[in-house]
Amino acid sequence: MADLTIKAMAHDLMAHAAARQEVVARNMANADTPGYRASDLPSFAETLEEGRGMRATRSGHLGWDAGRTTAEPVARAAEASPNGNTVSLETEMISSAEIRQQHDMAVSIYSATRQIISTALGRNK
C-alpha cells in the first residue's frame, strides 16, 4: 500500500522526537562535566521547512532515508556555570516533557490514519 503523506509526516515527527530526546539525555548525562555546552535540535517545523524543496519518492532517493532526521544539534544559548557548563536540568526536564507530547501526538496521528484506512477497506471490526 502506498504510504500516505500524513502517515510519513507522523513517522518523521516520531523520529525527530527520538533524536531530540537523545540530545536532551546527553545533556543531562553531562550536567556535571566542566566546559560541556548544552545543545538541542531545531524544532520539527524548522526541519520540515528545510526539506520543502525536492522530495524523496522512495528510500535512498536524494540521499533520504525514512526515519532519519537531518537536523544537526545546535548549541543552546544559556549562561555558563563557574565550571563552564551550560546544562540546566530544569530546562532539560521541560524539553523532555515537550518531546513526550510531540511523540504522543505523532503516535495518535499515526494510529488514527491506520484506523481510517482500515475502516475504508472494511477491515475495522
PDB file of N, CA and C in Angstrom:
ATOM      1  N   MET A   1       0.843  -1.169   0.000  1.00  0.00           N
ATOM      2  CA  MET A   1       0.000   0.000   0.000  1.00  0.00           C
ATOM      3  C   MET A   1       0.894   1.240   0.000  1.00  0.00           C
ATOM      4  N   ALA A   2       0.533   2.209  -0.796  1.00  0.00           N
ATOM      5  CA  ALA A   2       1.306   3.438  -0.881  1.00  0.00           C
ATOM      6  C   ALA A   2       1.270   4.169   0.455  1.00  0.00           C
ATOM      7  N   ASP A   3       2.382   4.762   0.818  1.00  0.00           N
ATOM      8  CA  ASP A   3       2.479   5.483   2.072  1.00  0.00           C
ATOM      9  C   ASP A   3       1.790   6.837   1.926  1.00  0.00           C
ATOM     10  N   LEU A   4       0.948   7.194   2.882  1.00  0.00           N
ATOM     11  CA  LEU A   4       0.275   8.481   2.869  1.00  0.00           C
ATOM     12  C   LEU A   4       1.202   9.552   3.414  1.00  0.00           C
ATOM     13  N   THR A   5       1.082  10.758   2.900  1.00  0.00           N
ATOM     14  CA  THR A   5       1.935  11.855   3.336  1.00  0.00           C
ATOM     15  C   THR A   5       1.775  12.122   4.819  1.00  0.00           C
ATOM     16  N   ILE A   6       0.535  12.117   5.315  1.00  0.00           N
ATOM     17  CA  ILE A   6       0.315  12.398   6.735  1.00  0.00           C
ATOM     18  C   ILE A   6       0.939  11.308   7.607  1.00  0.00           C
ATOM     19  N   LYS A   7       0.867  10.078   7.136  1.00  0.00           N
ATOM     20  CA  LYS A   7       1.467   8.967   7.875  1.00  0.00           C
ATOM     21  C   LYS A   7       2.989   9.103   7.882  1.00  0.00           C
ATOM     22  N   ALA A   8       3.551   9.467   6.759  1.00  0.00           N
ATOM     23  CA  ALA A   8       5.003   9.660   6.670  1.00  0.00           C
ATOM     24  C   ALA A   8       5.449  10.822   7.553  1.00  0.00           C
ATOM     25  N   MET A   9       4.643  11.883   7.594  1.00  0.00           N
ATOM     26  CA  MET A   9       4.982  13.028   8.422  1.00  0.00           C
ATOM     27  C   MET A   9       4.926  12.652   9.907  1.00  0.00           C
ATOM     28  N   ALA A  10       3.930  11.857  10.296  1.00  0.00           N
ATOM     29  CA  ALA A  10       3.844  11.399  11.685  1.00  0.00           C
ATOM     30  C   ALA A  10       5.062  10.546  12.032  1.00  0.00           C
ATOM     31  N   HIS A  11       5.476   9.709  11.096  1.00  0.00           N
ATOM     32  CA  HIS A  11       6.667   8.886  11.302  1.00  0.00           C
ATOM     33  C   HIS A  11       7.896   9.769  11.474  1.00  0.00           C
ATOM     34  N   ASP A  12       8.030  10.793  10.646  1.00  0.00           N
ATOM     35  CA  ASP A  12       9.169  11.701  10.752  1.00  0.00           C
ATOM     36  C   ASP A  12       9.145  12.473  12.068  1.00  0.00           C
ATOM     37  N   LEU A  13       7.945  12.851  12.546  1.00  0.00           N
ATOM     38  CA  LEU A  13       7.833  13.540  13.830  1.00  0.00           C
ATOM     39  C   LEU A  13       8.280  12.624  14.965  1.00  0.00           C
ATOM     40  N   MET A  14       7.905  11.335  14.890  1.00  0.00           N
ATOM     41  CA  MET A  14       8.360  10.383  15.902  1.00  0.00           C
ATOM     42  C   MET A  14       9.880  10.250  15.872  1.00  0.00           C
ATOM     43  N   ALA A  15      10.462  10.178  14.680  1.00  0.00           N
ATOM     44  CA  ALA A  15      11.918  10.057  14.548  1.00  0.00           C
ATOM     45  C   ALA A  15      12.610  11.315  15.079  1.00  0.00           C
ATOM     46  N   HIS A  16      12.029  12.477  14.807  1.00  0.00           N
ATOM     47  CA  HIS A  16      12.597  13.736  15.298  1.00  0.00           C
ATOM     48  C   HIS A  16      12.535  13.779  16.820  1.00  0.00           C
ATOM     49  N   ALA A  17      11.416  13.356  17.390  1.00  0.00           N
ATOM     50  CA  ALA A  17      11.280  13.336  18.848  1.00  0.00           C
ATOM     51  C   ALA A  17      12.312  12.397  19.476  1.00  0.00           C
ATOM     52  N   ALA A  18      12.531  11.251  18.866  1.00  0.00           N
ATOM     53  CA  ALA A  18      13.517  10.298  19.389  1.00  0.00           C
ATOM     54  C   ALA A  18      14.926  10.883  19.323  1.00  0.00           C
ATOM     55  N   ALA A  19      15.267  11.526  18.210  1.00  0.00           N
ATOM     56  CA  ALA A  19      16.595  12.126  18.066  1.00  0.00           C
ATOM     57  C   ALA A  19      16.774  13.276  19.050  1.00  0.00           C
ATOM     58  N   ARG A  20      15.723  14.062  19.248  1.00  0.00           N
ATOM     59  CA  ARG A  20      15.812  15.185  20.183  1.00  0.00           C
ATOM     60  C   ARG A  20      15.936  14.687  21.617  1.00  0.00           C
ATOM     61  N   GLN A  21      15.217  13.598  21.941  1.00  0.00           N
ATOM     62  CA  GLN A  21      15.318  13.031  23.286  1.00  0.00           C
ATOM     63  C   GLN A  21      16.739  12.528  23.549  1.00  0.00           C
ATOM     64  N   GLU A  22      17.379  11.997  22.523  1.00  0.00           N
ATOM     65  CA  GLU A  22      18.765  11.544  22.659  1.00  0.00           C
ATOM     66  C   GLU A  22      19.692  12.707  23.003  1.00  0.00           C
ATOM     67  N   VAL A  23      19.483  13.849  22.357  1.00  0.00           N
ATOM     68  CA  VAL A  23      20.300  15.034  22.625  1.00  0.00           C
ATOM     69  C   VAL A  23      20.061  15.525  24.045  1.00  0.00           C
ATOM     70  N   VAL A  24      18.801  15.564  24.476  1.00  0.00           N
ATOM     71  CA  VAL A  24      18.475  16.018  25.830  1.00  0.00           C
ATOM     72  C   VAL A  24      19.069  15.067  26.868  1.00  0.00           C
ATOM     73  N   ALA A  25      18.993  13.769  26.619  1.00  0.00           N
ATOM     74  CA  ALA A  25      19.573  12.791  27.546  1.00  0.00           C
ATOM     75  C   ALA A  25      21.089  12.976  27.639  1.00  0.00           C
ATOM     76  N   ARG A  26      21.737  13.260  26.510  1.00  0.00           N
ATOM     77  CA  ARG A  26      23.185  13.509  26.524  1.00  0.00           C
ATOM     78  C   ARG A  26      23.504  14.749  27.356  1.00  0.00           C
ATOM     79  N   ASN A  27      22.666  15.789  27.219  1.00  0.00           N
ATOM     80  CA  ASN A  27      22.861  16.991  28.025  1.00  0.00           C
ATOM     81  C   ASN A  27      22.769  16.668  29.513  1.00  0.00           C
ATOM     82  N   MET A  28      21.746  15.903  29.883  1.00  0.00           N
ATOM     83  CA  MET A  28      21.549  15.576  31.295  1.00  0.00           C
ATOM     84  C   MET A  28      22.691  14.711  31.827  1.00  0.00           C
ATOM     85  N   ALA A  29      23.185  13.811  31.005  1.00  0.00           N
ATOM     86  CA  ALA A  29      24.286  12.948  31.423  1.00  0.00           C
ATOM     87  C   ALA A  29      25.569  13.748  31.648  1.00  0.00           C
ATOM     88  N   ASN A  30      25.690  14.882  30.985  1.00  0.00           N
ATOM     89  CA  ASN A  30      26.889  15.718  31.109  1.00  0.00           C
ATOM     90  C   ASN A  30      26.653  16.960  31.963  1.00  0.00           C
ATOM     91  N   ALA A  31      25.643  16.921  32.820  1.00  0.00           N
ATOM     92  CA  ALA A  31      25.302  18.083  33.633  1.00  0.00           C
ATOM     93  C   ALA A  31      26.442  18.529  34.551  1.00  0.00           C
ATOM     94  N   ASP A  32      27.328  17.617  34.933  1.00  0.00           N
ATOM     95  CA  ASP A  32      28.444  17.958  35.815  1.00  0.00           C
ATOM     96  C   ASP A  32      29.792  17.997  35.103  1.00  0.00           C
ATOM     97  N   THR A  33      29.786  17.866  33.793  1.00  0.00           N
ATOM     98  CA  THR A  33      31.044  17.861  33.029  1.00  0.00           C
ATOM     99  C   THR A  33      31.513  19.296  32.815  1.00  0.00           C
ATOM    100  N   PRO A  34      32.688  19.630  33.317  1.00  0.00           N
ATOM    101  CA  PRO A  34      33.194  21.000  33.136  1.00  0.00           C
ATOM    102  C   PRO A  34      33.341  21.350  31.653  1.00  0.00           C
ATOM    103  N   GLY A  35      32.871  22.537  31.289  1.00  0.00           N
ATOM    104  CA  GLY A  35      33.008  23.027  29.924  1.00  0.00           C
ATOM    105  C   GLY A  35      32.016  22.467  28.918  1.00  0.00           C
ATOM    106  N   TYR A  36      31.109  21.578  29.346  1.00  0.00           N
ATOM    107  CA  TYR A  36      30.146  20.990  28.402  1.00  0.00           C
ATOM    108  C   TYR A  36      29.117  22.039  28.000  1.00  0.00           C
ATOM    109  N   ARG A  37      28.828  22.097  26.724  1.00  0.00           N
ATOM    110  CA  ARG A  37      27.840  23.035  26.177  1.00  0.00           C
ATOM    111  C   ARG A  37      26.567  22.282  25.819  1.00  0.00           C
ATOM    112  N   ALA A  38      25.451  22.682  26.414  1.00  0.00           N
ATOM    113  CA  ALA A  38      24.164  22.048  26.121  1.00  0.00           C
ATOM    114  C   ALA A  38      23.771  22.332  24.679  1.00  0.00           C
ATOM    115  N   SER A  39      23.121  21.344  24.058  1.00  0.00           N
ATOM    116  CA  SER A  39      22.672  21.517  22.677  1.00  0.00           C
ATOM    117  C   SER A  39      21.239  21.015  22.555  1.00  0.00           C
ATOM    118  N   ASP A  40      20.636  21.296  21.430  1.00  0.00           N
ATOM    119  CA  ASP A  40      19.273  20.862  21.141  1.00  0.00           C
ATOM    120  C   ASP A  40      19.129  20.791  19.631  1.00  0.00           C
ATOM    121  N   LEU A  41      18.095  20.111  19.175  1.00  0.00           N
ATOM    122  CA  LEU A  41      17.805  20.071  17.748  1.00  0.00           C
ATOM    123  C   LEU A  41      16.866  21.218  17.398  1.00  0.00           C
ATOM    124  N   PRO A  42      16.928  21.701  16.168  1.00  0.00           N
ATOM    125  CA  PRO A  42      15.929  22.677  15.737  1.00  0.00           C
ATOM    126  C   PRO A  42      14.540  22.042  15.822  1.00  0.00           C
ATOM    127  N   SER A  43      13.520  22.854  15.908  1.00  0.00           N
ATOM    128  CA  SER A  43      12.163  22.330  16.011  1.00  0.00           C
ATOM    129  C   SER A  43      11.807  21.515  14.763  1.00  0.00           C
ATOM    130  N   PHE A  44      10.806  20.662  14.917  1.00  0.00           N
ATOM    131  CA  PHE A  44      10.363  19.851  13.783  1.00  0.00           C
ATOM    132  C   PHE A  44       9.878  20.746  12.650  1.00  0.00           C
ATOM    133  N   ALA A  45       9.213  21.840  12.978  1.00  0.00           N
ATOM    134  CA  ALA A  45       8.712  22.764  11.956  1.00  0.00           C
ATOM    135  C   ALA A  45       9.867  23.337  11.134  1.00  0.00           C
ATOM    136  N   GLU A  46      10.959  23.714  11.808  1.00  0.00           N
ATOM    137  CA  GLU A  46      12.118  24.244  11.088  1.00  0.00           C
ATOM    138  C   GLU A  46      12.741  23.168  10.204  1.00  0.00           C
ATOM    139  N   THR A  47      12.837  21.952  10.737  1.00  0.00           N
ATOM    140  CA  THR A  47      13.393  20.839   9.976  1.00  0.00           C
ATOM    141  C   THR A  47      12.531  20.539   8.761  1.00  0.00           C
ATOM    142  N   LEU A  48      11.213  20.608   8.932  1.00  0.00           N
ATOM    143  CA  LEU A  48      10.281  20.352   7.845  1.00  0.00           C
ATOM    144  C   LEU A  48      10.400  21.425   6.770  1.00  0.00           C
ATOM    145  N   GLU A  49      10.532  22.679   7.175  1.00  0.00           N
ATOM    146  CA  GLU A  49      10.661  23.780   6.222  1.00  0.00           C
ATOM    147  C   GLU A  49      11.914  23.638   5.367  1.00  0.00           C
ATOM    148  N   GLU A  50      13.014  23.162   5.971  1.00  0.00           N
ATOM    149  CA  GLU A  50      14.256  22.994   5.227  1.00  0.00           C
ATOM    150  C   GLU A  50      14.105  21.964   4.117  1.00  0.00           C
ATOM    151  N   GLY A  51      13.255  20.968   4.323  1.00  0.00           N
ATOM    152  CA  GLY A  51      13.096  19.899   3.344  1.00  0.00           C
ATOM    153  C   GLY A  51      11.973  20.123   2.355  1.00  0.00           C
ATOM    154  N   ARG A  52      11.436  21.316   2.261  1.00  0.00           N
ATOM    155  CA  ARG A  52      10.299  21.585   1.385  1.00  0.00           C
ATOM    156  C   ARG A  52      10.663  21.662  -0.085  1.00  0.00           C
ATOM    157  N   GLY A  53      11.940  21.710  -0.420  1.00  0.00           N
ATOM    158  CA  GLY A  53      12.352  21.803  -1.817  1.00  0.00           C
ATOM    159  C   GLY A  53      12.044  20.512  -2.551  1.00  0.00           C
ATOM    160  N   MET A  54      13.071  19.767  -2.867  1.00  0.00           N
ATOM    161  CA  MET A  54      12.890  18.488  -3.551  1.00  0.00           C
ATOM    162  C   MET A  54      12.457  17.443  -2.537  1.00  0.00           C
ATOM    163  N   ARG A  55      11.602  16.507  -2.980  1.00  0.00           N
ATOM    164  CA  ARG A  55      11.109  15.468  -2.093  1.00  0.00           C
ATOM    165  C   ARG A  55      11.566  14.110  -2.587  1.00  0.00           C
ATOM    166  N   ALA A  56      11.911  13.265  -1.646  1.00  0.00           N
ATOM    167  CA  ALA A  56      12.299  11.899  -1.981  1.00  0.00           C
ATOM    168  C   ALA A  56      11.046  11.088  -2.267  1.00  0.00           C
ATOM    169  N   THR A  57      11.079  10.288  -3.296  1.00  0.00           N
ATOM    170  CA  THR A  57       9.923   9.470  -3.645  1.00  0.00           C
ATOM    171  C   THR A  57      10.074   8.027  -3.187  1.00  0.00           C
ATOM    172  N   ARG A  58      11.259   7.667  -2.754  1.00  0.00           N
ATOM    173  CA  ARG A  58      11.498   6.323  -2.227  1.00  0.00           C
ATOM    174  C   ARG A  58      12.763   6.380  -1.378  1.00  0.00           C
ATOM    175  N   SER A  59      12.936   5.365  -0.544  1.00  0.00           N
ATOM    176  CA  SER A  59      14.099   5.310   0.320  1.00  0.00           C
ATOM    177  C   SER A  59      15.377   5.322  -0.515  1.00  0.00           C
ATOM    178  N   GLY A  60      16.331   6.137  -0.130  1.00  0.00           N
ATOM    179  CA  GLY A  60      17.582   6.229  -0.867  1.00  0.00           C
ATOM    180  C   GLY A  60      17.584   7.299  -1.953  1.00  0.00           C
ATOM    181  N   HIS A  61      16.406   7.780  -2.342  1.00  0.00           N
ATOM    182  CA  HIS A  61      16.303   8.818  -3.362  1.00  0.00           C
ATOM    183  C   HIS A  61      16.761  10.144  -2.754  1.00  0.00           C
ATOM    184  N   LEU A  62      17.636  10.830  -3.414  1.00  0.00           N
ATOM    185  CA  LEU A  62      18.201  12.099  -2.951  1.00  0.00           C
ATOM    186  C   LEU A  62      18.914  11.963  -1.614  1.00  0.00           C
ATOM    187  N   GLY A  63      19.368  10.760  -1.312  1.00  0.00           N
ATOM    188  CA  GLY A  63      20.072  10.549  -0.057  1.00  0.00           C
ATOM    189  C   GLY A  63      19.163  10.529   1.158  1.00  0.00           C
ATOM    190  N   TRP A  64      17.865  10.388   0.977  1.00  0.00           N
ATOM    191  CA  TRP A  64      16.895  10.414   2.073  1.00  0.00           C
ATOM    192  C   TRP A  64      16.577   9.003   2.522  1.00  0.00           C
ATOM    193  N   ASP A  65      16.559   8.801   3.824  1.00  0.00           N
ATOM    194  CA  ASP A  65      16.144   7.532   4.403  1.00  0.00           C
ATOM    195  C   ASP A  65      15.017   7.805   5.366  1.00  0.00           C
ATOM    196  N   ALA A  66      13.961   7.001   5.296  1.00  0.00           N
ATOM    197  CA  ALA A  66      12.808   7.174   6.178  1.00  0.00           C
ATOM    198  C   ALA A  66      13.252   7.083   7.621  1.00  0.00           C
ATOM    199  N   GLY A  67      12.743   7.982   8.447  1.00  0.00           N
ATOM    200  CA  GLY A  67      13.015   7.940   9.867  1.00  0.00           C
ATOM    201  C   GLY A  67      14.351   8.542  10.284  1.00  0.00           C
ATOM    202  N   ARG A  68      15.118   9.024   9.332  1.00  0.00           N
ATOM    203  CA  ARG A  68      16.402   9.623   9.693  1.00  0.00           C
ATOM    204  C   ARG A  68      16.267  11.133   9.658  1.00  0.00           C
ATOM    205  N   THR A  69      16.460  11.743  10.782  1.00  0.00           N
ATOM    206  CA  THR A  69      16.375  13.189  10.827  1.00  0.00           C
ATOM    207  C   THR A  69      17.683  13.783  10.321  1.00  0.00           C
ATOM    208  N   THR A  70      17.589  14.867   9.579  1.00  0.00           N
ATOM    209  CA  THR A  70      18.786  15.502   9.047  1.00  0.00           C
ATOM    210  C   THR A  70      19.195  16.685   9.906  1.00  0.00           C
ATOM    211  N   ALA A  71      18.448  16.952  10.968  1.00  0.00           N
ATOM    212  CA  ALA A  71      18.749  18.081  11.830  1.00  0.00           C
ATOM    213  C   ALA A  71      20.021  17.814  12.621  1.00  0.00           C
ATOM    214  N   GLU A  72      20.863  18.799  12.676  1.00  0.00           N
ATOM    215  CA  GLU A  72      22.097  18.718  13.449  1.00  0.00           C
ATOM    216  C   GLU A  72      21.904  19.482  14.751  1.00  0.00           C
ATOM    217  N   PRO A  73      22.432  18.963  15.854  1.00  0.00           N
ATOM    218  CA  PRO A  73      22.317  19.677  17.130  1.00  0.00           C
ATOM    219  C   PRO A  73      22.974  21.050  17.050  1.00  0.00           C
ATOM    220  N   VAL A  74      22.342  22.010  17.683  1.00  0.00           N
ATOM    221  CA  VAL A  74      22.877  23.370  17.763  1.00  0.00           C
ATOM    222  C   VAL A  74      23.053  23.723  19.230  1.00  0.00           C
ATOM    223  N   ALA A  75      24.031  24.561  19.520  1.00  0.00           N
ATOM    224  CA  ALA A  75      24.285  24.966  20.900  1.00  0.00           C
ATOM    225  C   ALA A  75      23.088  25.739  21.434  1.00  0.00           C
ATOM    226  N   ARG A  76      22.710  25.425  22.646  1.00  0.00           N
ATOM    227  CA  ARG A  76      21.604  26.120  23.294  1.00  0.00           C
ATOM    228  C   ARG A  76      22.176  27.327  24.032  1.00  0.00           C
ATOM    229  N   ALA A  77      21.578  28.493  23.798  1.00  0.00           N
ATOM    230  CA  ALA A  77      22.041  29.704  24.465  1.00  0.00           C
ATOM    231  C   ALA A  77      21.673  29.630  25.946  1.00  0.00           C
ATOM    232  N   ALA A  78      22.675  29.646  26.788  1.00  0.00           N
ATOM    233  CA  ALA A  78      22.450  29.594  28.227  1.00  0.00           C
ATOM    234  C   ALA A  78      23.658  30.182  28.936  1.00  0.00           C
ATOM    235  N   GLU A  79      23.422  30.628  30.144  1.00  0.00           N
ATOM    236  CA  GLU A  79      24.508  31.177  30.949  1.00  0.00           C
ATOM    237  C   GLU A  79      25.334  30.031  31.521  1.00  0.00           C
ATOM    238  N   ALA A  80      26.627  30.160  31.430  1.00  0.00           N
ATOM    239  CA  ALA A  80      27.520  29.108  31.915  1.00  0.00           C
ATOM    240  C   ALA A  80      27.700  29.205  33.424  1.00  0.00           C
ATOM    241  N   SER A  81      27.823  28.038  34.041  1.00  0.00           N
ATOM    242  CA  SER A  81      28.129  27.975  35.469  1.00  0.00           C
ATOM    243  C   SER A  81      29.622  28.282  35.648  1.00  0.00           C
ATOM    244  N   PRO A  82      30.099  28.394  36.880  1.00  0.00           N
ATOM    245  CA  PRO A  82      31.527  28.694  37.084  1.00  0.00           C
ATOM    246  C   PRO A  82      32.489  27.700  36.415  1.00  0.00           C
ATOM    247  N   ASN A  83      32.051  26.437  36.218  1.00  0.00           N
ATOM    248  CA  ASN A  83      32.942  25.468  35.569  1.00  0.00           C
ATOM    249  C   ASN A  83      32.780  25.453  34.047  1.00  0.00           C
ATOM    250  N   GLY A  84      31.978  26.378  33.495  1.00  0.00           N
ATOM    251  CA  GLY A  84      31.809  26.492  32.049  1.00  0.00           C
ATOM    252  C   GLY A  84      30.701  25.641  31.468  1.00  0.00           C
ATOM    253  N   ASN A  85      29.969  24.896  32.290  1.00  0.00           N
ATOM    254  CA  ASN A  85      28.884  24.019  31.846  1.00  0.00           C
ATOM    255  C   ASN A  85      27.618  24.858  31.648  1.00  0.00           C
ATOM    256  N   THR A  86      26.880  24.616  30.559  1.00  0.00           N
ATOM    257  CA  THR A  86      25.658  25.383  30.287  1.00  0.00           C
ATOM    258  C   THR A  86      24.383  24.553  30.443  1.00  0.00           C
ATOM    259  N   VAL A  87      24.481  23.356  31.011  1.00  0.00           N
ATOM    260  CA  VAL A  87      23.306  22.498  31.175  1.00  0.00           C
ATOM    261  C   VAL A  87      22.481  22.974  32.376  1.00  0.00           C
ATOM    262  N   SER A  88      21.187  23.153  32.134  1.00  0.00           N
ATOM    263  CA  SER A  88      20.232  23.442  33.197  1.00  0.00           C
ATOM    264  C   SER A  88      19.281  22.252  33.264  1.00  0.00           C
ATOM    265  N   LEU A  89      19.285  21.532  34.382  1.00  0.00           N
ATOM    266  CA  LEU A  89      18.424  20.358  34.491  1.00  0.00           C
ATOM    267  C   LEU A  89      16.945  20.724  34.377  1.00  0.00           C
ATOM    268  N   GLU A  90      16.571  21.903  34.840  1.00  0.00           N
ATOM    269  CA  GLU A  90      15.173  22.342  34.720  1.00  0.00           C
ATOM    270  C   GLU A  90      14.787  22.499  33.253  1.00  0.00           C
ATOM    271  N   THR A  91      15.663  23.130  32.477  1.00  0.00           N
ATOM    272  CA  THR A  91      15.401  23.301  31.046  1.00  0.00           C
ATOM    273  C   THR A  91      15.319  21.954  30.347  1.00  0.00           C
ATOM    274  N   GLU A  92      16.188  21.038  30.710  1.00  0.00           N
ATOM    275  CA  GLU A  92      16.191  19.713  30.093  1.00  0.00           C
ATOM    276  C   GLU A  92      14.921  18.940  30.436  1.00  0.00           C
ATOM    277  N   MET A  93      14.430  19.071  31.647  1.00  0.00           N
ATOM    278  CA  MET A  93      13.190  18.399  32.043  1.00  0.00           C
ATOM    279  C   MET A  93      11.993  18.963  31.274  1.00  0.00           C
ATOM    280  N   ILE A  94      11.964  20.270  31.091  1.00  0.00           N
ATOM    281  CA  ILE A  94      10.890  20.895  30.310  1.00  0.00           C
ATOM    282  C   ILE A  94      10.957  20.428  28.858  1.00  0.00           C
ATOM    283  N   SER A  95      12.168  20.385  28.303  1.00  0.00           N
ATOM    284  CA  SER A  95      12.335  19.892  26.933  1.00  0.00           C
ATOM    285  C   SER A  95      11.877  18.448  26.815  1.00  0.00           C
ATOM    286  N   SER A  96      12.203  17.643  27.808  1.00  0.00           N
ATOM    287  CA  SER A  96      11.802  16.238  27.800  1.00  0.00           C
ATOM    288  C   SER A  96      10.280  16.089  27.802  1.00  0.00           C
ATOM    289  N   ALA A  97       9.592  16.929  28.563  1.00  0.00           N
ATOM    290  CA  ALA A  97       8.122  16.892  28.579  1.00  0.00           C
ATOM    291  C   ALA A  97       7.548  17.308  27.222  1.00  0.00           C
ATOM    292  N   GLU A  98       8.135  18.327  26.585  1.00  0.00           N
ATOM    293  CA  GLU A  98       7.687  18.758  25.256  1.00  0.00           C
ATOM    294  C   GLU A  98       7.883  17.635  24.232  1.00  0.00           C
ATOM    295  N   ILE A  99       9.009  16.960  24.329  1.00  0.00           N
ATOM    296  CA  ILE A  99       9.310  15.867  23.404  1.00  0.00           C
ATOM    297  C   ILE A  99       8.296  14.751  23.570  1.00  0.00           C
ATOM    298  N   ARG A 100       7.943  14.448  24.804  1.00  0.00           N
ATOM    299  CA  ARG A 100       6.946  13.397  25.069  1.00  0.00           C
ATOM    300  C   ARG A 100       5.603  13.760  24.437  1.00  0.00           C
ATOM    301  N   GLN A 101       5.212  15.026  24.548  1.00  0.00           N
ATOM    302  CA  GLN A 101       3.961  15.476  23.933  1.00  0.00           C
ATOM    303  C   GLN A 101       4.017  15.337  22.414  1.00  0.00           C
ATOM    304  N   GLN A 102       5.141  15.699  21.807  1.00  0.00           N
ATOM    305  CA  GLN A 102       5.277  15.570  20.351  1.00  0.00           C
ATOM    306  C   GLN A 102       5.186  14.112  19.926  1.00  0.00           C
ATOM    307  N   HIS A 103       5.844  13.246  20.660  1.00  0.00           N
ATOM    308  CA  HIS A 103       5.816  11.824  20.322  1.00  0.00           C
ATOM    309  C   HIS A 103       4.404  11.268  20.470  1.00  0.00           C
ATOM    310  N   ASP A 104       3.717  11.612  21.558  1.00  0.00           N
ATOM    311  CA  ASP A 104       2.346  11.139  21.763  1.00  0.00           C
ATOM    312  C   ASP A 104       1.416  11.625  20.656  1.00  0.00           C
ATOM    313  N   MET A 105       1.602  12.877  20.217  1.00  0.00           N
ATOM    314  CA  MET A 105       0.782  13.410  19.131  1.00  0.00           C
ATOM    315  C   MET A 105       1.043  12.638  17.841  1.00  0.00           C
ATOM    316  N   ALA A 106       2.295  12.356  17.556  1.00  0.00           N
ATOM    317  CA  ALA A 106       2.640  11.611  16.344  1.00  0.00           C
ATOM    318  C   ALA A 106       2.048  10.206  16.368  1.00  0.00           C
ATOM    319  N   VAL A 107       2.099   9.555  17.525  1.00  0.00           N
ATOM    320  CA  VAL A 107       1.529   8.216  17.655  1.00  0.00           C
ATOM    321  C   VAL A 107       0.017   8.267  17.445  1.00  0.00           C
ATOM    322  N   SER A 108      -0.638   9.287  17.987  1.00  0.00           N
ATOM    323  CA  SER A 108      -2.091   9.438  17.813  1.00  0.00           C
ATOM    324  C   SER A 108      -2.453   9.637  16.349  1.00  0.00           C
ATOM    325  N   ILE A 109      -1.709  10.471  15.656  1.00  0.00           N
ATOM    326  CA  ILE A 109      -1.962  10.716  14.232  1.00  0.00           C
ATOM    327  C   ILE A 109      -1.752   9.435  13.435  1.00  0.00           C
ATOM    328  N   TYR A 110      -0.670   8.742  13.713  1.00  0.00           N
ATOM    329  CA  TYR A 110      -0.352   7.502  13.016  1.00  0.00           C
ATOM    330  C   TYR A 110      -1.453   6.464  13.238  1.00  0.00           C
ATOM    331  N   SER A 111      -1.912   6.327  14.489  1.00  0.00           N
ATOM    332  CA  SER A 111      -2.962   5.359  14.812  1.00  0.00           C
ATOM    333  C   SER A 111      -4.289   5.727  14.160  1.00  0.00           C
ATOM    334  N   ALA A 112      -4.629   7.023  14.180  1.00  0.00           N
ATOM    335  CA  ALA A 112      -5.877   7.463  13.562  1.00  0.00           C
ATOM    336  C   ALA A 112      -5.852   7.209  12.057  1.00  0.00           C
ATOM    337  N   THR A 113      -4.728   7.465  11.421  1.00  0.00           N
ATOM    338  CA  THR A 113      -4.596   7.220   9.988  1.00  0.00           C
ATOM    339  C   THR A 113      -4.762   5.739   9.682  1.00  0.00           C
ATOM    340  N   ARG A 114      -4.163   4.911  10.500  1.00  0.00           N
ATOM    341  CA  ARG A 114      -4.283   3.460  10.321  1.00  0.00           C
ATOM    342  C   ARG A 114      -5.734   3.011  10.474  1.00  0.00           C
ATOM    343  N   GLN A 115      -6.416   3.579  11.456  1.00  0.00           N
ATOM    344  CA  GLN A 115      -7.818   3.212  11.675  1.00  0.00           C
ATOM    345  C   GLN A 115      -8.699   3.672  10.515  1.00  0.00           C
ATOM    346  N   ILE A 116      -8.448   4.854   9.983  1.00  0.00           N
ATOM    347  CA  ILE A 116      -9.221   5.358   8.842  1.00  0.00           C
ATOM    348  C   ILE A 116      -9.029   4.456   7.626  1.00  0.00           C
ATOM    349  N   ILE A 117      -7.782   4.044   7.383  1.00  0.00           N
ATOM    350  CA  ILE A 117      -7.510   3.169   6.243  1.00  0.00           C
ATOM    351  C   ILE A 117      -8.197   1.823   6.444  1.00  0.00           C
ATOM    352  N   SER A 118      -8.133   1.282   7.653  1.00  0.00           N
ATOM    353  CA  SER A 118      -8.795   0.003   7.932  1.00  0.00           C
ATOM    354  C   SER A 118     -10.302   0.101   7.739  1.00  0.00           C
ATOM    355  N   THR A 119     -10.887   1.193   8.178  1.00  0.00           N
ATOM    356  CA  THR A 119     -12.326   1.394   8.008  1.00  0.00           C
ATOM    357  C   THR A 119     -12.677   1.499   6.538  1.00  0.00           C
ATOM    358  N   ALA A 120     -11.871   2.249   5.778  1.00  0.00           N
ATOM    359  CA  ALA A 120     -12.135   2.408   4.342  1.00  0.00           C
ATOM    360  C   ALA A 120     -12.044   1.073   3.602  1.00  0.00           C
ATOM    361  N   LEU A 121     -11.193   0.185   4.080  1.00  0.00           N
ATOM    362  CA  LEU A 121     -11.038  -1.123   3.448  1.00  0.00           C
ATOM    363  C   LEU A 121     -12.039  -2.162   3.985  1.00  0.00           C
ATOM    364  N   GLY A 122     -12.842  -1.734   4.952  1.00  0.00           N
ATOM    365  CA  GLY A 122     -13.844  -2.632   5.511  1.00  0.00           C
ATOM    366  C   GLY A 122     -13.266  -3.656   6.474  1.00  0.00           C
ATOM    367  N   ARG A 123     -12.114  -3.369   7.030  1.00  0.00           N
ATOM    368  CA  ARG A 123     -11.455  -4.307   7.937  1.00  0.00           C
ATOM    369  C   ARG A 123     -11.557  -3.899   9.390  1.00  0.00           C
ATOM    370  N   ASN A 124     -12.257  -2.834   9.661  1.00  0.00           N
ATOM    371  CA  ASN A 124     -12.375  -2.350  11.044  1.00  0.00           C
ATOM    372  C   ASN A 124     -13.522  -3.062  11.732  1.00  0.00           C
ATOM    373  N   LYS A 125     -13.230  -3.767  12.783  1.00  0.00           N
ATOM    374  CA  LYS A 125     -14.276  -4.515  13.495  1.00  0.00           C
ATOM    375  C   LYS A 125     -14.432  -4.022  14.889  1.00  0.00           C
TER     376      LYS A 125
END
